[in-house]
Protein backbone atom coordinates (compact mmCIF):
# COMPACT_ATOMS: atom_id res chain seq x y z
CA MET A 1 134.62 -130.08 85.34
CA LYS A 2 134.48 -126.70 87.08
CA ILE A 3 133.92 -123.50 85.14
CA ARG A 4 135.64 -120.47 86.56
CA VAL A 5 133.60 -117.24 86.34
CA PRO A 6 135.70 -114.06 86.56
CA ALA A 7 134.93 -112.16 89.76
CA ALA A 8 134.08 -108.94 87.92
CA LEU A 9 131.55 -110.71 85.68
CA LEU A 10 130.05 -112.53 88.67
CA MET A 11 129.62 -109.25 90.53
CA ALA A 12 128.00 -107.65 87.47
CA LEU A 13 125.53 -110.53 87.21
CA VAL A 14 124.67 -110.24 90.90
CA ILE A 15 124.20 -106.48 90.70
CA SER A 16 122.11 -106.79 87.53
CA GLY A 17 119.93 -109.47 89.04
CA CYS A 18 119.37 -107.52 92.24
CA ALA A 19 118.68 -104.30 90.34
CA ASN A 20 115.80 -105.90 88.46
CA THR A 21 114.34 -107.64 91.49
CA PRO A 22 110.81 -106.31 92.27
CA ASP A 23 110.65 -103.87 95.19
CA GLU A 24 107.85 -103.92 97.78
CA GLU A 25 105.49 -102.19 95.31
CA GLY A 26 106.37 -104.66 92.58
CA TRP A 27 108.42 -102.29 90.42
CA ARG A 28 111.56 -103.49 88.69
CA SER A 29 114.33 -101.06 87.84
CA SER A 30 113.74 -101.62 84.12
CA GLN A 31 110.06 -100.67 84.49
CA LYS A 32 110.95 -97.54 86.47
CA LYS A 33 113.48 -96.49 83.87
CA GLU A 34 110.98 -97.11 81.06
CA PHE A 35 108.21 -95.13 82.78
CA LEU A 36 110.47 -92.19 83.67
CA GLU A 37 111.70 -91.93 80.08
CA MET A 38 108.07 -92.03 78.90
CA LEU A 39 107.12 -89.27 81.36
CA LYS A 40 110.10 -87.10 80.44
CA GLU A 41 108.90 -86.81 76.86
CA ASP A 42 105.24 -87.25 77.85
CA ARG A 43 105.08 -89.78 75.04
CA TYR A 44 101.30 -90.10 75.11
CA ALA A 45 100.45 -86.54 76.19
CA SER A 46 98.81 -87.73 79.40
CA VAL A 47 100.66 -86.19 82.34
CA CYS A 48 98.05 -83.40 82.25
CA GLU A 49 96.97 -82.26 85.75
CA GLN A 50 99.39 -84.72 87.39
CA GLN A 51 102.45 -82.54 86.74
CA PRO A 52 103.04 -81.90 90.50
CA LEU A 53 102.92 -85.65 91.19
CA TYR A 54 105.30 -86.27 88.29
CA GLU A 55 107.80 -83.79 89.76
CA LYS A 56 107.76 -85.73 93.06
CA VAL A 57 108.22 -89.04 91.25
CA LYS A 58 111.08 -87.62 89.20
CA GLN A 59 112.86 -86.41 92.32
CA THR A 60 112.28 -89.40 94.59
CA GLU A 61 111.52 -92.39 92.33
CA ASN A 62 109.22 -93.44 95.16
CA SER A 63 107.53 -96.65 94.07
CA ARG A 64 104.22 -95.95 95.80
CA LEU A 65 103.96 -92.54 94.12
CA MET A 66 105.04 -94.10 90.83
CA SER A 67 102.17 -96.61 91.07
CA LYS A 68 99.71 -93.78 91.72
CA LEU A 69 101.06 -91.82 88.76
CA LEU A 70 100.87 -94.82 86.44
CA VAL A 71 97.17 -95.26 87.25
CA GLU A 72 96.51 -91.54 86.73
CA TYR A 73 98.51 -91.50 83.47
CA THR A 74 96.48 -94.46 82.22
CA GLU A 75 93.22 -92.73 83.21
CA ASN A 76 94.23 -89.61 81.28
CA LEU A 77 95.23 -91.67 78.27
CA ALA A 78 91.99 -93.62 78.32
CA ASN A 79 89.56 -90.77 78.97
CA GLY A 80 91.34 -87.55 78.11
CA CYS A 81 92.22 -84.36 79.94
CA ILE A 82 89.12 -82.28 79.17
CA ASP A 83 87.09 -81.09 82.15
CA LEU A 84 84.06 -83.23 81.29
CA GLN A 85 81.91 -81.98 84.16
CA LYS A 86 82.18 -78.39 82.91
CA PHE A 87 81.55 -79.55 79.36
CA ARG A 88 78.38 -81.41 80.40
CA GLU A 89 77.17 -78.24 82.13
CA VAL A 90 77.79 -76.20 78.96
CA GLN A 91 75.89 -78.76 76.87
CA ALA A 92 72.96 -78.68 79.30
CA ALA A 93 72.88 -74.88 79.05
CA LYS A 94 72.75 -75.12 75.25
CA LYS A 95 69.79 -77.45 75.48
CA LYS A 96 67.91 -74.88 77.57
CA ARG A 97 68.59 -72.34 74.80
CA LYS A 98 66.99 -74.77 72.29
CA ILE A 99 70.34 -75.57 70.63
CA GLU A 100 70.56 -79.18 69.42
CA SER A 101 74.12 -80.15 70.38
CA HIS A 102 75.22 -83.71 71.13
CA TYR A 103 78.74 -84.93 71.84
CA ASP A 104 78.93 -88.60 72.81
CA LEU A 105 81.81 -89.44 75.18
CA TYR A 106 83.28 -92.92 74.86
CA LEU A 107 85.00 -93.43 78.21
CA GLN A 108 86.94 -96.53 79.21
CA LYS A 109 87.09 -98.21 82.60
CA VAL A 110 90.58 -98.19 84.07
CA ASP A 111 91.14 -101.02 86.56
CA SER A 112 93.87 -99.85 88.96
CA THR A 113 94.12 -103.28 90.61
CA ARG A 114 94.82 -104.92 87.27
CA ILE A 115 97.42 -102.30 86.32
CA LEU A 116 99.35 -102.80 89.56
CA ALA A 117 99.13 -106.57 89.15
CA GLN A 118 100.62 -106.19 85.67
CA ILE A 119 103.53 -104.21 87.13
CA LYS A 120 104.14 -106.94 89.71
CA ALA A 121 103.98 -109.55 86.93
CA GLY A 122 106.87 -107.77 85.19
CA GLN A 123 104.97 -106.41 82.17
CA THR A 124 106.40 -103.38 80.41
CA VAL A 125 104.65 -100.04 80.90
CA GLU A 126 104.23 -99.83 77.13
CA ASN A 127 102.31 -103.10 77.14
CA ILE A 128 100.14 -102.00 80.08
CA LEU A 129 99.14 -98.78 78.31
CA LYS A 130 98.56 -100.35 74.89
CA PRO A 131 94.84 -101.21 75.35
CA TYR A 132 94.09 -97.57 76.19
CA LEU A 133 95.79 -95.94 73.20
CA PRO A 134 93.34 -94.12 70.89
CA ALA A 135 92.82 -96.19 67.75
CA THR A 136 92.78 -93.32 65.26
CA GLU A 137 96.01 -92.54 63.41
CA GLN A 138 95.35 -88.90 64.21
CA PHE A 139 96.42 -89.48 67.84
CA PRO A 140 100.14 -90.21 67.22
CA LYS A 141 100.24 -87.64 64.41
CA LEU A 142 98.80 -84.88 66.57
CA VAL A 143 101.01 -85.81 69.55
CA LYS A 144 104.13 -85.71 67.36
CA THR A 145 103.11 -82.35 65.91
CA TYR A 146 102.30 -80.93 69.35
CA HIS A 147 105.70 -81.93 70.79
CA ALA A 148 107.51 -80.61 67.71
CA LEU A 149 105.83 -77.19 67.93
CA GLN A 150 106.07 -76.60 71.69
CA ASP A 151 109.36 -74.74 71.38
CA ASN A 152 108.50 -73.04 68.09
CA GLU A 153 108.27 -69.29 68.75
CA SER A 154 106.09 -68.76 65.67
CA VAL A 155 103.34 -70.90 67.21
CA THR A 156 101.06 -69.06 69.62
CA PRO A 157 99.92 -70.45 72.98
CA GLU A 158 96.37 -70.52 71.64
CA GLN A 159 97.40 -72.62 68.63
CA LEU A 160 99.16 -75.04 70.98
CA ARG A 161 96.05 -75.21 73.16
CA ILE A 162 93.89 -76.08 70.16
CA LEU A 163 96.34 -78.77 69.05
CA ARG A 164 96.34 -80.24 72.53
CA LEU A 165 92.55 -80.08 72.74
CA ASN A 166 92.29 -82.15 69.58
CA ILE A 167 94.68 -84.74 71.01
CA GLU A 168 92.28 -85.06 73.94
CA ARG A 169 89.31 -85.44 71.57
CA THR A 170 90.91 -88.48 69.97
CA LYS A 171 91.02 -90.07 73.44
CA ILE A 172 87.24 -89.86 73.88
CA MET A 173 86.38 -91.25 70.45
CA ARG A 174 84.87 -94.72 70.30
CA SER A 175 87.75 -97.16 70.72
CA ASP A 176 86.61 -99.82 68.24
CA LEU A 177 87.55 -97.60 65.32
CA GLY A 178 87.54 -100.44 62.78
CA GLU A 179 90.02 -101.27 60.03
CA ASP A 180 87.51 -99.87 57.52
CA TYR A 181 85.57 -96.80 58.55
CA ALA A 182 84.13 -93.49 57.47
CA LEU A 183 85.42 -90.41 59.29
CA VAL A 184 83.21 -87.33 59.02
CA ASN A 185 85.25 -84.39 60.30
CA ILE A 186 82.52 -81.86 61.01
CA PRO A 187 84.52 -78.58 61.14
CA GLU A 188 86.43 -79.59 58.01
CA PHE A 189 83.20 -80.33 56.09
CA MET A 190 84.82 -83.54 54.86
CA VAL A 191 84.22 -87.29 54.97
CA ARG A 192 87.02 -89.78 54.36
CA ILE A 193 86.55 -93.48 53.73
CA LYS A 194 89.55 -95.02 55.49
CA LYS A 195 91.23 -98.38 55.15
CA GLY A 196 93.70 -98.42 58.00
CA GLU A 197 95.76 -95.25 57.61
CA GLN A 198 95.03 -95.02 53.89
CA THR A 199 92.26 -92.81 52.50
CA ALA A 200 90.32 -94.72 49.85
CA LEU A 201 87.88 -91.92 49.08
CA LYS A 202 87.01 -88.46 50.33
CA SER A 203 84.18 -86.06 49.69
CA ALA A 204 83.06 -82.64 50.79
CA VAL A 205 80.00 -82.63 53.04
CA ILE A 206 77.36 -80.28 54.40
CA VAL A 207 76.71 -80.52 58.14
CA GLY A 208 74.13 -79.26 60.62
CA GLN A 209 73.29 -75.64 61.30
CA LYS A 210 74.74 -74.01 64.39
CA ASP A 211 71.53 -74.59 66.36
CA LEU A 212 70.84 -77.99 64.75
CA GLN A 213 74.33 -79.44 65.00
CA THR A 214 75.52 -82.71 63.51
CA PRO A 215 76.14 -84.86 66.61
CA VAL A 216 79.54 -86.33 67.47
CA PHE A 217 79.15 -90.10 67.81
CA ALA A 218 79.97 -93.46 66.18
CA GLU A 219 77.91 -96.41 64.95
CA PRO A 220 78.37 -99.15 62.32
CA MET A 221 76.82 -98.61 58.90
CA GLN A 222 74.18 -101.27 58.36
CA TYR A 223 72.62 -100.63 54.97
CA ILE A 224 72.29 -98.32 51.97
CA THR A 225 68.93 -97.10 50.73
CA LEU A 226 68.56 -96.34 47.04
CA ASN A 227 65.81 -94.01 45.83
CA PRO A 228 64.62 -93.22 49.34
CA GLN A 229 61.40 -91.64 50.45
CA TRP A 230 61.73 -88.74 52.88
CA GLY A 231 59.78 -89.16 56.08
CA VAL A 232 59.62 -85.59 57.33
CA PRO A 233 60.62 -85.39 61.03
CA ASP A 234 57.90 -83.93 63.26
CA SER A 235 60.04 -80.90 64.15
CA ILE A 236 60.44 -80.00 60.46
CA ALA A 237 56.77 -80.75 59.82
CA ARG A 238 55.71 -78.33 62.57
CA ASN A 239 58.09 -75.50 61.77
CA GLU A 240 58.51 -75.71 57.99
CA ILE A 241 56.04 -77.94 56.12
CA ILE A 242 52.78 -77.14 57.92
CA PRO A 243 53.23 -73.33 57.67
CA LYS A 244 53.89 -73.71 53.93
CA VAL A 245 50.84 -75.96 53.40
CA LEU A 246 48.58 -73.58 55.37
CA LYS A 247 49.75 -70.78 53.12
CA ASP A 248 49.60 -72.83 49.89
CA PRO A 249 47.52 -76.09 49.89
CA ALA A 250 49.09 -77.04 46.52
CA TYR A 251 52.54 -77.23 48.16
CA LEU A 252 52.28 -80.98 48.83
CA ALA A 253 51.33 -81.99 45.28
CA ARG A 254 53.96 -79.68 43.80
CA ASN A 255 56.64 -81.30 45.97
CA ASN A 256 55.53 -84.91 45.42
CA MET A 257 54.43 -85.22 49.05
CA VAL A 258 51.58 -87.11 50.73
CA ILE A 259 50.17 -87.45 54.25
CA ARG A 260 50.00 -90.85 55.94
CA ARG A 261 49.20 -92.16 59.44
CA ASP A 262 52.82 -93.33 59.77
CA TYR A 263 56.03 -93.28 57.74
CA ASN A 264 54.90 -96.19 55.53
CA LEU A 265 53.83 -95.08 52.06
CA ASP A 266 51.43 -98.03 51.96
CA SER A 267 49.66 -97.02 55.18
CA GLN A 268 46.32 -95.20 55.34
CA ASN A 269 46.11 -92.01 53.30
CA VAL A 270 45.21 -88.81 55.14
CA SER A 271 43.61 -85.89 53.33
CA LEU A 272 44.08 -82.26 54.31
CA SER A 273 40.40 -82.04 55.24
CA ASP A 274 40.87 -84.81 57.83
CA VAL A 275 43.45 -82.97 59.96
CA ASN A 276 43.69 -79.70 61.84
CA LEU A 277 47.06 -78.52 60.56
CA ALA A 278 46.96 -75.25 62.47
CA ALA A 279 46.92 -77.15 65.78
CA TYR A 280 50.37 -78.55 65.01
CA ARG A 281 52.05 -75.44 63.62
CA GLY A 282 55.24 -74.56 65.49
CA GLY A 283 56.44 -75.81 68.86
CA ARG A 284 57.57 -79.32 69.70
CA GLY A 285 56.15 -82.78 70.22
CA ALA A 286 54.75 -85.63 68.15
CA VAL A 287 52.47 -85.04 65.18
CA PRO A 288 49.79 -87.77 64.76
CA PHE A 289 50.18 -87.84 60.97
CA LYS A 290 53.27 -87.90 58.79
CA PHE A 291 54.42 -86.07 55.67
CA ILE A 292 56.27 -88.24 53.17
CA GLU A 293 58.05 -87.19 50.00
CA ARG A 294 57.90 -90.01 47.45
CA PRO A 295 61.08 -91.37 45.82
CA SER A 296 62.05 -89.44 42.70
CA GLU A 297 64.95 -87.77 40.98
CA ARG A 298 63.93 -84.56 42.79
CA ASN A 299 63.63 -86.03 46.30
CA VAL A 300 65.19 -83.75 48.92
CA LEU A 301 67.41 -86.65 50.09
CA GLY A 302 68.60 -87.25 46.54
CA ARG A 303 68.93 -90.85 45.41
CA ILE A 304 71.10 -92.44 48.13
CA LYS A 305 71.10 -92.75 51.94
CA PHE A 306 73.89 -94.36 53.99
CA ILE A 307 72.29 -95.64 57.20
CA PHE A 308 74.06 -96.18 60.52
CA PRO A 309 71.14 -96.45 63.00
CA ASN A 310 71.54 -94.18 66.01
CA SER A 311 69.58 -92.36 68.68
CA HIS A 312 70.14 -89.03 66.88
CA ALA A 313 68.27 -90.11 63.70
CA VAL A 314 71.24 -88.89 61.64
CA TYR A 315 72.58 -90.41 58.41
CA MET A 316 74.60 -89.49 55.30
CA HIS A 317 72.75 -88.80 52.09
CA ASP A 318 72.68 -87.34 48.60
CA THR A 319 71.16 -83.88 48.14
CA GLN A 320 69.49 -81.70 45.53
CA GLY A 321 71.29 -78.62 46.85
CA LYS A 322 74.56 -79.15 44.96
CA SER A 323 75.31 -75.43 44.73
CA LEU A 324 75.84 -75.26 48.50
CA PHE A 325 79.05 -77.26 48.15
CA LYS A 326 80.64 -74.15 46.61
CA ARG A 327 80.35 -72.41 49.99
CA GLU A 328 83.37 -72.38 52.29
CA VAL A 329 81.26 -72.74 55.44
CA ARG A 330 78.67 -75.46 54.91
CA THR A 331 76.36 -75.52 57.95
CA PHE A 332 72.99 -75.91 56.25
CA SER A 333 71.43 -79.25 57.24
CA HIS A 334 69.11 -80.19 60.09
CA GLY A 335 71.86 -82.45 61.48
CA CYS A 336 72.31 -85.07 58.78
CA VAL A 337 75.43 -85.18 56.59
CA ARG A 338 74.92 -84.32 52.92
CA VAL A 339 77.57 -85.83 50.65
CA GLU A 340 78.92 -84.13 47.51
CA LYS A 341 80.03 -87.41 45.85
CA PRO A 342 77.35 -89.92 46.90
CA ASN A 343 77.63 -92.00 43.72
CA GLU A 344 81.38 -92.55 44.15
CA MET A 345 80.78 -93.52 47.77
CA LEU A 346 77.96 -95.83 46.71
CA ILE A 347 80.11 -97.73 44.20
CA TYR A 348 83.02 -98.07 46.66
CA ILE A 349 80.92 -99.26 49.59
CA ALA A 350 78.71 -101.52 47.49
CA SER A 351 81.74 -103.15 45.84
CA ASN A 352 83.65 -103.69 49.09
CA PHE A 353 81.00 -104.15 51.76
CA THR A 354 77.87 -105.64 50.14
CA ALA A 355 77.00 -108.58 47.92
CA GLU A 356 76.30 -106.21 45.02
CA THR A 357 78.44 -105.54 41.96
CA PRO A 358 78.81 -102.06 40.45
CA GLU A 359 76.48 -103.21 37.66
CA SER A 360 73.77 -104.61 39.93
CA ILE A 361 73.84 -101.63 42.26
CA MET A 362 73.45 -99.18 39.36
CA GLU A 363 70.56 -101.22 37.95
CA LYS A 364 68.72 -100.80 41.26
CA TYR A 365 69.69 -97.13 41.35
CA GLU A 366 68.28 -96.49 37.87
CA SER A 367 65.00 -98.27 38.68
CA LEU A 368 63.79 -95.30 40.77
CA LYS A 369 62.30 -97.88 43.15
CA THR A 370 63.34 -98.00 46.79
CA HIS A 371 65.94 -100.69 47.59
CA HIS A 372 67.65 -101.43 50.91
CA ILE A 373 71.13 -102.94 50.47
CA PRO A 374 72.59 -104.54 53.65
CA LEU A 375 76.30 -104.40 54.39
CA LYS A 376 77.94 -107.83 54.72
CA LYS A 377 81.22 -106.51 56.15
CA ARG A 378 81.61 -104.21 59.17
CA MET A 379 82.18 -100.53 58.49
CA MET A 380 82.11 -97.95 61.30
CA VAL A 381 81.01 -94.35 60.81
CA HIS A 382 82.61 -91.81 63.15
CA THR A 383 81.44 -88.21 63.16
CA ALA A 384 84.31 -86.31 64.79
CA TYR A 385 85.08 -82.74 65.75
CA LEU A 386 88.75 -82.18 64.93
CA THR A 387 89.69 -78.54 64.40
CA SER A 388 93.29 -79.74 63.91
CA TYR A 389 94.00 -82.58 61.50
CA VAL A 390 97.33 -83.91 60.20
CA ASP A 391 97.02 -85.03 56.58
CA SER A 392 98.89 -87.82 54.80
CA ASN A 393 101.71 -85.40 53.94
CA GLY A 394 102.23 -84.47 57.58
CA THR A 395 100.70 -81.02 57.08
CA VAL A 396 98.72 -79.63 60.00
CA LEU A 397 95.30 -78.42 58.85
CA MET A 398 93.39 -76.01 61.12
CA PHE A 399 89.64 -75.40 60.85
CA ASN A 400 87.18 -72.88 62.22
CA ASP A 401 85.39 -73.77 65.45
CA ILE A 402 81.92 -73.76 63.87
CA TYR A 403 80.04 -75.15 66.91
CA GLY A 404 82.13 -73.50 69.64
CA PHE A 405 83.60 -76.70 71.11
CA ASP A 406 87.12 -75.18 71.17
CA ARG A 407 85.65 -72.67 73.59
CA ASP A 408 83.35 -75.05 75.48
CA GLN A 409 85.85 -77.84 76.13
CA VAL A 410 88.43 -76.78 78.73
CA LEU A 411 91.64 -78.65 79.49
CA ASN A 412 91.98 -79.74 83.12
CA PHE A 413 95.54 -78.34 83.28
CA GLN A 414 97.50 -75.23 82.15
């Protein structure tokens, strides 16, 4: 039995089939159409410095140029459009001025050969770009806000630049964000405990001083310390503790502090008569003895530390200085993050990420003895620097540039 196919339908099938046949660069018409629509709206805010190349692609639809642009667009999506070389130079200059400023860059490798092979294999552009999309929910929120405000006459060019700069910052955050994570937004003086896009808990925080900045980085939380001792860092020992002890030898006893050979309270005791304190007053470098404040209700770290081991020796902790949370600008620490609601955070994390119950964790807390509670479930901690943040209501929040990164980070276009 023969089936007659109308000539018009047959011609349409032939044309359709030919139109989606890969060209010599491997592009199908459907992929070209998809990519051009993506570029027209700059869906992922990643055309950046490739605007001249985009104009050529738009005019010619040249497949070779389109391949080049796709690789560049992916690179910008993966690693942002901030001039990182200039930023590194600025950071190096700060270091020479004795300013402690650290901003870890989490860059991804973009394999151009793989991308072009994916095009030839017929994958959609959306699917090719997916692995490079920033994981934080702030990325799509900020992009949507940025596009919506571009033609708004009440928004200044500078406000648009800051919005765009924060989009780029989400691109250089650590990509393994985690389903459950803590986000410390430094210029907002806020930490949020996130579960996906939902905020389970939030608390005001105190961050580092302008010359002792809280670093921007990410690491998994590994354990909680209850009733911690404070092992005084050598820099603080040299510049704060030793001058006070030289002036007032009773300072240590009054502040529940002792001197040891290392940061172990059970290690060899060192008496003031055994050391030449004046030789280690001021300056930098290691101190061959250590000051330790014993655990107590008055310990400078409070009663709780949240530890995510890192090269910056930074953590979140309780504090005795509760009155400082009334300040609008809270840059008072030596780099660590002081939490206003440490007990609420303790109960939430212990209940959801450790083997402890609220009852057992509070029993250890009340003991005034030091306990280290390991996390059994992964929880990332991201310290971020977002001077623009879109909240759960879609409201754009803008914050002061306390460390000067809005000035120091320059877009590689505009």
